[in-house]
Amino acid sequence: MKTKWKTLSGEKIDDIQKFVDASTREGQEVHIGTDSLQSGKFTQFVTVVVIHTPMKGGRVAYARDVVPRIGSLRHRLMDEVWRSVNLAIGLTCRGAMTIHIDANAQERHMSSRYLQELVGLVVGQGFKALWKPDSWAASHAADHVIRTRGKLPRDGDVAAA
C-alpha cells in the first residue's frame, strides 16, 4: 500500500521525494518526526517532513497510518522512531536530515527509560537525533496534525484508515 502524503493546506503529494527536492535548497536541513496517539482499539501514527527556512517559515508534509492498538510504550516509541528513520533512509536531500524523537530525557517521564535505545537507532543509521525539548517536528508538528486533522476509524475498521 502506497503512503498518502499531504501538506498542511490539504494538497495531496504524489511523491514525497519530489516534495523534498522542490522544497529544499542547498544546505537546508530536513527534519523528520513521528508522533502517535492511542484511541480505543487503535494507535494512530503521523509522520511529518519539515523543511524549515529560518525567519521565513517552512514546508510541512505529513502521512497518517492507523494500526491495531499497541499496548507497550517501548514498542510504540520504537515504531515512531523506526517510521522516521525508515523514511529518512529512503529519501535523498541536499542538506542534512535530522530525526526528532518524541521522548524526554527527564527521569520523571516514562519515555526516558527508552531514550538511549531510541537515539542509538537513529545515530546507528547515520542521522542526527533530537529529543524533547528540542524535538519540535515530533512533539509539535506531528502532534498538531494527529490531534487536529482527521478522526480515527470506527472500531473494527482499521482498513478504512
N, C-alpha and C. Protein backbone atom coordinates (compact mmCIF):
# COMPACT_ATOMS: atom_id res chain seq x y z
N MET A 1 0.84 -1.19 0.00
CA MET A 1 0.00 0.00 0.00
C MET A 1 0.88 1.24 0.00
N LYS A 2 0.62 2.18 -0.88
CA LYS A 2 1.40 3.40 -1.00
C LYS A 2 0.99 4.40 0.08
N THR A 3 1.98 5.04 0.69
CA THR A 3 1.72 6.04 1.72
C THR A 3 1.12 7.29 1.09
N LYS A 4 0.07 7.81 1.72
CA LYS A 4 -0.58 9.02 1.23
C LYS A 4 -0.04 10.23 1.99
N TRP A 5 0.57 11.15 1.27
CA TRP A 5 1.15 12.35 1.87
C TRP A 5 0.29 13.56 1.52
N LYS A 6 0.24 14.53 2.45
CA LYS A 6 -0.47 15.79 2.24
C LYS A 6 0.34 16.92 2.86
N THR A 7 0.05 18.14 2.40
CA THR A 7 0.59 19.33 3.06
C THR A 7 -0.41 19.77 4.11
N LEU A 8 -0.02 20.71 4.95
CA LEU A 8 -0.95 21.21 5.97
C LEU A 8 -2.15 21.92 5.37
N SER A 9 -2.00 22.41 4.14
CA SER A 9 -3.14 23.06 3.47
C SER A 9 -4.06 22.05 2.79
N GLY A 10 -3.71 20.75 2.87
CA GLY A 10 -4.56 19.71 2.31
C GLY A 10 -4.19 19.26 0.92
N GLU A 11 -3.16 19.86 0.33
CA GLU A 11 -2.72 19.48 -1.01
C GLU A 11 -2.13 18.07 -0.96
N LYS A 12 -2.57 17.22 -1.88
CA LYS A 12 -2.05 15.86 -1.94
C LYS A 12 -0.67 15.85 -2.59
N ILE A 13 0.20 15.02 -2.07
CA ILE A 13 1.55 14.88 -2.59
C ILE A 13 1.70 13.47 -3.14
N ASP A 14 1.99 13.37 -4.43
CA ASP A 14 2.13 12.06 -5.06
C ASP A 14 3.46 11.39 -4.73
N ASP A 15 4.51 12.20 -4.57
CA ASP A 15 5.85 11.66 -4.36
C ASP A 15 6.57 12.51 -3.32
N ILE A 16 6.83 11.93 -2.15
CA ILE A 16 7.46 12.70 -1.08
C ILE A 16 8.88 13.13 -1.46
N GLN A 17 9.58 12.33 -2.26
CA GLN A 17 10.92 12.71 -2.70
C GLN A 17 10.87 13.98 -3.56
N LYS A 18 9.89 14.06 -4.46
CA LYS A 18 9.76 15.25 -5.30
C LYS A 18 9.42 16.47 -4.44
N PHE A 19 8.59 16.29 -3.41
CA PHE A 19 8.27 17.37 -2.48
C PHE A 19 9.53 17.89 -1.80
N VAL A 20 10.36 16.97 -1.31
CA VAL A 20 11.61 17.37 -0.64
C VAL A 20 12.53 18.07 -1.63
N ASP A 21 12.67 17.53 -2.83
CA ASP A 21 13.53 18.15 -3.84
C ASP A 21 13.07 19.56 -4.19
N ALA A 22 11.76 19.73 -4.36
CA ALA A 22 11.21 21.04 -4.74
C ALA A 22 11.25 22.04 -3.59
N SER A 23 11.26 21.56 -2.36
CA SER A 23 11.16 22.45 -1.20
C SER A 23 12.49 22.82 -0.58
N THR A 24 13.54 22.10 -0.91
CA THR A 24 14.83 22.37 -0.27
C THR A 24 15.78 23.08 -1.21
N ARG A 25 16.64 23.86 -0.57
CA ARG A 25 17.76 24.47 -1.27
C ARG A 25 19.04 23.91 -0.66
N GLU A 26 20.13 24.10 -1.33
CA GLU A 26 21.42 23.61 -0.85
C GLU A 26 21.65 24.03 0.61
N GLY A 27 21.96 23.06 1.44
CA GLY A 27 22.29 23.34 2.83
C GLY A 27 21.11 23.34 3.80
N GLN A 28 19.88 23.34 3.30
CA GLN A 28 18.73 23.30 4.21
C GLN A 28 18.62 21.92 4.84
N GLU A 29 18.23 21.91 6.09
CA GLU A 29 18.06 20.65 6.79
C GLU A 29 16.63 20.17 6.68
N VAL A 30 16.49 18.87 6.55
CA VAL A 30 15.18 18.24 6.53
C VAL A 30 14.96 17.60 7.89
N HIS A 31 13.84 17.90 8.51
CA HIS A 31 13.51 17.38 9.84
C HIS A 31 12.36 16.39 9.69
N ILE A 32 12.51 15.22 10.31
CA ILE A 32 11.51 14.18 10.22
C ILE A 32 11.14 13.75 11.64
N GLY A 33 9.85 13.65 11.90
CA GLY A 33 9.40 13.21 13.22
C GLY A 33 8.08 12.48 13.12
N THR A 34 7.84 11.61 14.08
CA THR A 34 6.60 10.85 14.13
C THR A 34 6.03 10.93 15.54
N ASP A 35 4.73 11.07 15.63
CA ASP A 35 4.04 11.04 16.92
C ASP A 35 2.91 10.02 16.80
N SER A 36 2.47 9.53 17.94
CA SER A 36 1.38 8.56 17.94
C SER A 36 0.33 8.96 18.97
N LEU A 37 -0.87 8.43 18.77
CA LEU A 37 -1.98 8.70 19.66
C LEU A 37 -2.79 7.42 19.82
N GLN A 38 -3.04 7.04 21.06
CA GLN A 38 -3.86 5.87 21.36
C GLN A 38 -5.31 6.31 21.44
N SER A 39 -6.19 5.57 20.81
CA SER A 39 -7.60 5.88 20.87
C SER A 39 -8.39 4.59 20.68
N GLY A 40 -9.07 4.18 21.74
CA GLY A 40 -9.85 2.95 21.66
C GLY A 40 -8.99 1.76 21.31
N LYS A 41 -9.37 1.09 20.24
CA LYS A 41 -8.65 -0.11 19.81
C LYS A 41 -7.54 0.19 18.82
N PHE A 42 -7.22 1.46 18.61
CA PHE A 42 -6.28 1.85 17.57
C PHE A 42 -5.13 2.69 18.10
N THR A 43 -4.01 2.62 17.38
CA THR A 43 -2.89 3.54 17.54
C THR A 43 -2.73 4.24 16.21
N GLN A 44 -2.73 5.55 16.25
CA GLN A 44 -2.59 6.35 15.04
C GLN A 44 -1.19 6.95 15.03
N PHE A 45 -0.50 6.85 13.91
CA PHE A 45 0.83 7.44 13.73
C PHE A 45 0.74 8.54 12.69
N VAL A 46 1.43 9.65 12.95
CA VAL A 46 1.58 10.70 11.95
C VAL A 46 3.07 11.00 11.83
N THR A 47 3.57 10.91 10.61
CA THR A 47 4.97 11.24 10.33
C THR A 47 4.99 12.53 9.54
N VAL A 48 5.86 13.45 9.94
CA VAL A 48 5.99 14.72 9.24
C VAL A 48 7.38 14.87 8.65
N VAL A 49 7.43 15.56 7.52
CA VAL A 49 8.68 16.00 6.92
C VAL A 49 8.59 17.52 6.93
N VAL A 50 9.56 18.16 7.59
CA VAL A 50 9.55 19.62 7.70
C VAL A 50 10.82 20.16 7.07
N ILE A 51 10.66 21.05 6.11
CA ILE A 51 11.78 21.78 5.55
C ILE A 51 11.67 23.18 6.10
N HIS A 52 12.56 23.50 7.04
CA HIS A 52 12.47 24.76 7.77
C HIS A 52 13.42 25.79 7.17
N THR A 53 12.89 26.98 6.92
CA THR A 53 13.69 28.10 6.48
C THR A 53 13.68 29.13 7.59
N PRO A 54 14.80 29.28 8.31
CA PRO A 54 14.82 30.22 9.43
C PRO A 54 14.36 31.62 9.01
N MET A 55 13.53 32.20 9.86
CA MET A 55 12.98 33.54 9.68
C MET A 55 11.96 33.63 8.55
N LYS A 56 11.65 32.52 7.88
CA LYS A 56 10.70 32.56 6.77
C LYS A 56 9.63 31.48 6.87
N GLY A 57 9.73 30.59 7.84
CA GLY A 57 8.75 29.51 7.95
C GLY A 57 9.28 28.24 7.33
N GLY A 58 8.42 27.51 6.66
CA GLY A 58 8.85 26.27 6.06
C GLY A 58 7.71 25.54 5.40
N ARG A 59 8.01 24.35 4.93
CA ARG A 59 7.02 23.49 4.29
C ARG A 59 6.89 22.22 5.12
N VAL A 60 5.65 21.73 5.23
CA VAL A 60 5.39 20.52 6.01
C VAL A 60 4.55 19.57 5.17
N ALA A 61 4.95 18.31 5.19
CA ALA A 61 4.15 17.24 4.59
C ALA A 61 3.94 16.19 5.67
N TYR A 62 2.79 15.53 5.62
CA TYR A 62 2.54 14.50 6.63
C TYR A 62 1.83 13.30 6.02
N ALA A 63 2.03 12.17 6.70
CA ALA A 63 1.34 10.92 6.34
C ALA A 63 0.80 10.31 7.62
N ARG A 64 -0.37 9.71 7.52
CA ARG A 64 -1.05 9.11 8.67
C ARG A 64 -1.19 7.61 8.44
N ASP A 65 -1.06 6.87 9.54
CA ASP A 65 -1.25 5.42 9.48
C ASP A 65 -1.96 5.00 10.76
N VAL A 66 -2.91 4.10 10.66
CA VAL A 66 -3.66 3.61 11.82
C VAL A 66 -3.48 2.10 11.88
N VAL A 67 -3.11 1.62 13.06
CA VAL A 67 -2.89 0.19 13.27
C VAL A 67 -3.65 -0.24 14.52
N PRO A 68 -3.82 -1.56 14.71
CA PRO A 68 -4.42 -2.01 15.98
C PRO A 68 -3.59 -1.49 17.16
N ARG A 69 -4.24 -1.24 18.26
CA ARG A 69 -3.63 -0.62 19.44
C ARG A 69 -2.33 -1.33 19.86
N ILE A 70 -1.31 -0.53 20.12
CA ILE A 70 -0.02 -1.02 20.61
C ILE A 70 0.03 -0.70 22.09
N GLY A 71 0.04 -1.72 22.93
CA GLY A 71 -0.04 -1.54 24.37
C GLY A 71 1.25 -1.10 25.03
N SER A 72 2.38 -1.53 24.51
CA SER A 72 3.67 -1.26 25.13
C SER A 72 4.21 0.12 24.72
N LEU A 73 4.58 0.94 25.70
CA LEU A 73 5.16 2.25 25.40
C LEU A 73 6.46 2.08 24.62
N ARG A 74 7.30 1.14 25.03
CA ARG A 74 8.57 0.92 24.32
C ARG A 74 8.31 0.56 22.86
N HIS A 75 7.39 -0.35 22.62
CA HIS A 75 7.07 -0.76 21.25
C HIS A 75 6.56 0.43 20.43
N ARG A 76 5.69 1.23 21.02
CA ARG A 76 5.13 2.37 20.31
C ARG A 76 6.21 3.41 19.98
N LEU A 77 7.10 3.71 20.96
CA LEU A 77 8.18 4.66 20.71
C LEU A 77 9.16 4.14 19.65
N MET A 78 9.48 2.85 19.72
CA MET A 78 10.36 2.26 18.71
C MET A 78 9.70 2.35 17.32
N ASP A 79 8.41 2.11 17.27
CA ASP A 79 7.69 2.20 16.00
C ASP A 79 7.72 3.63 15.47
N GLU A 80 7.50 4.62 16.34
CA GLU A 80 7.57 6.02 15.93
C GLU A 80 8.93 6.33 15.31
N VAL A 81 9.99 5.99 16.03
CA VAL A 81 11.34 6.32 15.56
C VAL A 81 11.67 5.54 14.29
N TRP A 82 11.29 4.27 14.24
CA TRP A 82 11.60 3.49 13.05
C TRP A 82 10.88 4.05 11.82
N ARG A 83 9.65 4.52 11.98
CA ARG A 83 8.94 5.12 10.85
C ARG A 83 9.71 6.33 10.31
N SER A 84 10.24 7.15 11.21
CA SER A 84 11.03 8.32 10.80
C SER A 84 12.34 7.91 10.15
N VAL A 85 13.06 6.99 10.76
CA VAL A 85 14.34 6.52 10.23
C VAL A 85 14.14 5.85 8.87
N ASN A 86 13.15 5.01 8.76
CA ASN A 86 12.89 4.31 7.51
C ASN A 86 12.60 5.30 6.37
N LEU A 87 11.84 6.34 6.67
CA LEU A 87 11.58 7.37 5.67
C LEU A 87 12.88 8.07 5.29
N ALA A 88 13.68 8.44 6.29
CA ALA A 88 14.94 9.15 6.02
C ALA A 88 15.89 8.29 5.17
N ILE A 89 15.92 7.00 5.43
CA ILE A 89 16.77 6.10 4.65
C ILE A 89 16.37 6.13 3.17
N GLY A 90 15.09 6.24 2.90
CA GLY A 90 14.60 6.23 1.53
C GLY A 90 14.67 7.56 0.82
N LEU A 91 14.93 8.64 1.55
CA LEU A 91 14.98 9.97 0.94
C LEU A 91 16.42 10.39 0.66
N THR A 92 16.56 11.21 -0.36
CA THR A 92 17.84 11.89 -0.57
C THR A 92 17.54 13.38 -0.51
N CYS A 93 18.47 14.14 0.06
CA CYS A 93 18.27 15.60 0.10
C CYS A 93 19.63 16.27 0.04
N ARG A 94 19.60 17.55 -0.26
CA ARG A 94 20.83 18.32 -0.44
C ARG A 94 21.51 18.65 0.88
N GLY A 95 20.73 18.72 1.95
CA GLY A 95 21.29 19.04 3.26
C GLY A 95 21.25 17.83 4.17
N ALA A 96 21.44 18.09 5.46
CA ALA A 96 21.41 17.02 6.45
C ALA A 96 19.97 16.68 6.82
N MET A 97 19.78 15.47 7.33
CA MET A 97 18.47 15.06 7.84
C MET A 97 18.59 14.84 9.34
N THR A 98 17.60 15.35 10.05
CA THR A 98 17.55 15.19 11.50
C THR A 98 16.27 14.47 11.86
N ILE A 99 16.40 13.48 12.73
CA ILE A 99 15.25 12.72 13.21
C ILE A 99 14.88 13.24 14.59
N HIS A 100 13.62 13.61 14.76
CA HIS A 100 13.11 14.11 16.03
C HIS A 100 12.43 12.97 16.77
N ILE A 101 12.85 12.76 18.01
CA ILE A 101 12.34 11.66 18.84
C ILE A 101 11.40 12.24 19.89
N ASP A 102 10.20 11.72 19.97
CA ASP A 102 9.19 12.21 20.91
C ASP A 102 9.34 11.51 22.27
N ALA A 103 10.53 11.66 22.86
CA ALA A 103 10.82 11.08 24.18
C ALA A 103 11.58 12.13 24.99
N ASN A 104 11.47 12.02 26.31
CA ASN A 104 12.02 13.02 27.21
C ASN A 104 13.15 12.42 28.05
N ALA A 105 14.23 13.17 28.20
CA ALA A 105 15.38 12.69 28.99
C ALA A 105 15.14 12.78 30.49
N GLN A 106 14.17 13.57 30.91
CA GLN A 106 13.91 13.72 32.35
C GLN A 106 13.33 12.43 32.91
N GLU A 107 13.94 11.94 33.99
CA GLU A 107 13.57 10.64 34.55
C GLU A 107 12.13 10.54 35.02
N ARG A 108 11.48 11.67 35.29
CA ARG A 108 10.09 11.59 35.74
C ARG A 108 9.15 11.17 34.61
N HIS A 109 9.63 11.16 33.38
CA HIS A 109 8.83 10.72 32.23
C HIS A 109 9.18 9.28 31.89
N MET A 110 8.17 8.46 31.66
CA MET A 110 8.40 7.05 31.36
C MET A 110 9.23 6.86 30.09
N SER A 111 9.10 7.77 29.13
CA SER A 111 9.83 7.62 27.88
C SER A 111 11.35 7.72 28.08
N SER A 112 11.79 8.30 29.19
CA SER A 112 13.24 8.43 29.44
C SER A 112 13.92 7.07 29.54
N ARG A 113 13.17 6.06 29.92
CA ARG A 113 13.72 4.69 30.04
C ARG A 113 14.24 4.16 28.70
N TYR A 114 13.69 4.67 27.62
CA TYR A 114 13.99 4.13 26.30
C TYR A 114 14.80 5.09 25.43
N LEU A 115 15.12 6.27 25.96
CA LEU A 115 15.75 7.31 25.14
C LEU A 115 17.08 6.86 24.56
N GLN A 116 17.93 6.25 25.35
CA GLN A 116 19.24 5.83 24.85
C GLN A 116 19.09 4.84 23.69
N GLU A 117 18.18 3.92 23.81
CA GLU A 117 17.93 2.94 22.75
C GLU A 117 17.39 3.62 21.49
N LEU A 118 16.49 4.59 21.66
CA LEU A 118 15.91 5.30 20.52
C LEU A 118 16.96 6.15 19.80
N VAL A 119 17.79 6.85 20.57
CA VAL A 119 18.87 7.65 19.98
C VAL A 119 19.84 6.73 19.24
N GLY A 120 20.15 5.58 19.84
CA GLY A 120 21.04 4.62 19.19
C GLY A 120 20.51 4.16 17.84
N LEU A 121 19.21 3.96 17.75
CA LEU A 121 18.59 3.56 16.48
C LEU A 121 18.81 4.63 15.42
N VAL A 122 18.63 5.88 15.79
CA VAL A 122 18.79 6.99 14.84
C VAL A 122 20.24 7.18 14.45
N VAL A 123 21.10 7.32 15.43
CA VAL A 123 22.52 7.58 15.18
C VAL A 123 23.17 6.39 14.48
N GLY A 124 22.74 5.19 14.82
CA GLY A 124 23.28 4.00 14.17
C GLY A 124 23.01 3.95 12.67
N GLN A 125 22.00 4.68 12.23
CA GLN A 125 21.69 4.75 10.80
C GLN A 125 22.32 5.98 10.14
N GLY A 126 23.08 6.76 10.92
CA GLY A 126 23.83 7.88 10.36
C GLY A 126 23.11 9.22 10.38
N PHE A 127 22.05 9.34 11.17
CA PHE A 127 21.31 10.59 11.23
C PHE A 127 21.52 11.29 12.56
N LYS A 128 21.30 12.58 12.56
CA LYS A 128 21.34 13.36 13.79
C LYS A 128 20.02 13.15 14.53
N ALA A 129 20.09 13.05 15.86
CA ALA A 129 18.89 12.83 16.67
C ALA A 129 18.64 14.03 17.58
N LEU A 130 17.39 14.42 17.71
CA LEU A 130 16.96 15.42 18.69
C LEU A 130 15.84 14.81 19.51
N TRP A 131 15.79 15.14 20.80
CA TRP A 131 14.72 14.66 21.67
C TRP A 131 14.21 15.83 22.47
N LYS A 132 13.13 15.61 23.23
CA LYS A 132 12.50 16.69 23.98
C LYS A 132 13.49 17.34 24.94
N PRO A 133 13.49 18.64 25.01
CA PRO A 133 12.51 19.60 24.50
C PRO A 133 12.81 20.12 23.09
N ASP A 134 13.84 19.58 22.42
CA ASP A 134 14.27 20.09 21.12
C ASP A 134 13.63 19.40 19.92
N SER A 135 12.82 18.38 20.14
CA SER A 135 12.28 17.58 19.04
C SER A 135 10.95 18.14 18.54
N TRP A 136 10.97 19.37 18.06
CA TRP A 136 9.75 20.07 17.68
C TRP A 136 9.00 19.41 16.50
N ALA A 137 9.70 18.73 15.61
CA ALA A 137 8.99 18.11 14.48
C ALA A 137 8.04 17.01 14.97
N ALA A 138 8.48 16.25 15.97
CA ALA A 138 7.63 15.19 16.52
C ALA A 138 6.67 15.73 17.57
N SER A 139 7.20 16.51 18.50
CA SER A 139 6.37 16.91 19.64
C SER A 139 5.47 18.11 19.38
N HIS A 140 5.67 18.81 18.28
CA HIS A 140 4.78 19.92 17.94
C HIS A 140 4.11 19.73 16.58
N ALA A 141 4.90 19.56 15.52
CA ALA A 141 4.31 19.47 14.18
C ALA A 141 3.47 18.20 14.01
N ALA A 142 4.04 17.04 14.30
CA ALA A 142 3.28 15.78 14.16
C ALA A 142 2.15 15.73 15.18
N ASP A 143 2.42 16.21 16.39
CA ASP A 143 1.37 16.24 17.42
C ASP A 143 0.19 17.11 16.98
N HIS A 144 0.48 18.25 16.37
CA HIS A 144 -0.58 19.14 15.87
C HIS A 144 -1.45 18.41 14.85
N VAL A 145 -0.82 17.73 13.91
CA VAL A 145 -1.56 17.02 12.87
C VAL A 145 -2.40 15.91 13.48
N ILE A 146 -1.80 15.14 14.36
CA ILE A 146 -2.50 13.98 14.91
C ILE A 146 -3.72 14.39 15.74
N ARG A 147 -3.67 15.55 16.35
CA ARG A 147 -4.76 15.98 17.22
C ARG A 147 -5.80 16.85 16.51
N THR A 148 -5.47 17.41 15.34
CA THR A 148 -6.41 18.35 14.71
C THR A 148 -6.89 17.93 13.33
N ARG A 149 -6.29 16.94 12.71
CA ARG A 149 -6.66 16.62 11.33
C ARG A 149 -7.12 15.18 11.20
N GLY A 150 -8.40 15.00 11.03
CA GLY A 150 -8.94 13.67 10.77
C GLY A 150 -9.28 12.91 12.04
N LYS A 151 -10.16 12.00 11.90
CA LYS A 151 -10.61 11.16 13.00
C LYS A 151 -10.18 9.73 12.75
N LEU A 152 -10.08 9.00 13.82
CA LEU A 152 -9.80 7.57 13.69
C LEU A 152 -11.03 6.86 13.17
N PRO A 153 -10.82 5.70 12.53
CA PRO A 153 -11.98 4.95 12.05
C PRO A 153 -12.78 4.38 13.22
N ARG A 154 -13.99 3.94 12.90
CA ARG A 154 -14.80 3.26 13.92
C ARG A 154 -14.11 1.96 14.31
N ASP A 155 -14.38 1.50 15.53
CA ASP A 155 -13.80 0.24 15.99
C ASP A 155 -14.09 -0.86 14.97
N GLY A 156 -13.09 -1.71 14.71
CA GLY A 156 -13.26 -2.81 13.79
C GLY A 156 -13.00 -2.47 12.35
N ASP A 157 -12.56 -1.24 12.04
CA ASP A 157 -12.40 -0.83 10.66
C ASP A 157 -11.02 -0.21 10.42
N VAL A 158 -9.95 -0.97 10.69
CA VAL A 158 -8.59 -0.48 10.51
C VAL A 158 -8.31 -0.20 9.04
N ALA A 159 -8.82 -1.01 8.14
CA ALA A 159 -8.53 -0.86 6.72
C ALA A 159 -9.01 0.49 6.17
N ALA A 160 -10.02 1.08 6.77
CA ALA A 160 -10.55 2.36 6.28
C ALA A 160 -9.58 3.50 6.49
N ALA A 161 -8.70 3.34 7.45
CA ALA A 161 -7.74 4.41 7.73
C ALA A 161 -6.68 4.39 6.69
